[in-house]
Protein backbone atom coordinates (compact mmCIF):
# COMPACT_ATOMS: atom_id res chain seq x y z
CA MET A 1 -18.88 -15.92 -9.42
CA LEU A 2 -16.54 -17.97 -11.55
CA SER A 3 -17.19 -15.76 -14.56
CA THR A 4 -16.22 -12.70 -12.53
CA VAL A 5 -12.95 -14.30 -11.49
CA THR A 6 -12.13 -15.37 -15.04
CA ARG A 7 -12.78 -11.83 -16.30
CA THR A 8 -10.82 -9.98 -13.61
CA ALA A 9 -7.83 -12.32 -13.33
CA PRO A 10 -6.24 -11.31 -16.70
CA ARG A 11 -6.82 -7.63 -15.90
CA LEU A 12 -5.17 -8.02 -12.51
CA ALA A 13 -2.18 -9.84 -13.99
CA ARG A 14 -1.80 -7.13 -16.66
CA SER A 15 -1.90 -4.34 -14.04
CA GLN A 16 0.72 -6.17 -11.94
CA ARG A 17 3.00 -6.45 -14.98
CA LEU A 18 2.57 -2.74 -15.70
CA PHE A 19 3.36 -1.85 -12.09
CA SER A 20 6.45 -4.06 -11.99
CA SER A 21 7.74 -2.61 -15.27
CA LYS A 22 7.26 0.94 -13.94
CA LEU A 23 9.04 -0.04 -10.75
CA GLU A 24 11.93 -1.51 -12.75
CA ASN A 25 12.18 1.74 -14.73
CA LEU A 26 12.46 3.60 -11.44
CA VAL A 27 14.91 1.29 -9.66
CA ASN A 28 17.24 0.25 -12.51
CA PRO A 29 18.92 3.67 -12.95
CA LEU A 30 19.63 3.73 -9.21
CA ASN A 31 21.27 0.33 -9.34
CA GLU A 32 23.28 1.18 -12.47
CA ALA A 33 24.57 4.52 -11.15
CA PRO A 34 28.34 4.73 -10.81
CA CYS A 35 29.81 4.45 -7.33
CA ASN A 36 31.61 7.74 -6.65
CA ILE A 37 32.21 7.26 -2.94
CA ALA A 38 36.00 7.50 -3.20
CA ALA A 39 35.87 10.72 -5.23
CA GLU A 40 33.33 12.29 -2.88
CA ARG A 41 35.41 11.29 0.15
CA ALA A 42 38.54 12.80 -1.39
CA MET A 43 36.72 16.09 -2.05
CA HIS A 44 35.48 16.28 1.53
CA ASN A 45 38.88 15.38 2.96
CA LYS A 46 40.70 18.12 1.05
CA GLY A 47 38.33 20.90 2.10
CA GLY A 48 34.77 19.84 1.55
CA THR A 49 32.02 21.90 0.01
CA TRP A 50 32.43 24.87 2.36
CA GLN A 51 34.74 26.76 0.00
CA GLY A 52 33.88 30.46 0.25
CA ALA A 53 31.78 30.19 3.40
CA ALA A 54 33.49 33.32 4.77
CA ASN A 55 32.05 35.34 1.86
CA PRO A 56 28.54 33.99 1.19
CA THR A 57 26.80 34.68 -2.10
CA TYR A 58 23.85 36.49 -0.51
CA LEU A 59 26.19 39.26 0.68
CA LYS A 60 28.20 39.80 -2.52
CA ALA A 61 26.17 42.65 -4.05
CA GLY A 62 27.49 45.21 -1.60
CA VAL A 63 26.25 47.28 1.31
CA GLU A 64 22.59 46.91 0.34
CA ASP A 65 22.73 43.16 0.89
CA LYS A 66 24.23 43.62 4.34
CA VAL A 67 21.50 46.11 5.27
CA VAL A 68 18.74 43.79 4.04
CA CYS A 69 20.29 40.85 5.91
CA GLY A 70 20.56 42.95 9.09
CA VAL A 71 16.94 44.11 8.86
CA GLY A 72 15.82 40.52 8.35
CA LEU A 73 17.77 39.32 11.35
CA LEU A 74 16.42 42.22 13.43
CA LEU A 75 12.80 41.43 12.51
CA GLY A 76 13.36 37.73 13.15
CA GLY A 77 14.91 38.44 16.55
CA ALA A 78 12.09 40.83 17.51
CA SER A 79 9.43 38.28 16.56
CA LEU A 80 11.23 35.56 18.51
CA TYR A 81 11.41 37.87 21.54
CA GLN A 82 7.67 38.61 21.32
CA LEU A 83 6.90 34.90 21.01
CA VAL A 84 8.98 33.94 24.05
CA THR A 85 7.59 36.75 26.22
CA GLY A 86 4.04 35.82 25.17
CA PHE A 87 4.61 32.23 26.20
CA TRP A 88 6.16 33.40 29.47
CA HIS A 89 3.14 35.59 30.28
CA MET A 90 0.70 32.81 29.41
CA ALA A 91 2.60 30.30 31.54
CA HIS A 92 2.74 32.58 34.58
CA GLY A 93 -0.56 34.40 34.20
CA THR A 94 1.05 37.84 34.09
CA GLY A 95 0.73 40.73 31.66
CA LYS A 96 -3.05 40.52 31.39
CA LYS A 97 -4.99 43.49 30.09
CA GLU A 98 -8.02 44.43 32.14
């Protein structure tokens, strides 16, 4: 028993040192990062990151993009309608096929 402990103790200490060094490599850059809170706050106060929200990038290619977006919204709305009506019929026991 004692021989097992004397063999595994150095291995365990070495693995703990490796883990702590890997953890330090992960945490140190986070601690050393510059604090940009004032700059970020100033950007958000003057207008934020919503610049150009009235003209989104997924609609800038022209009419085709608007058609594709409309078809997607239509299919999404139709599937949501089918889902809600299915739940309604299951909850009330109506709409059964005989």
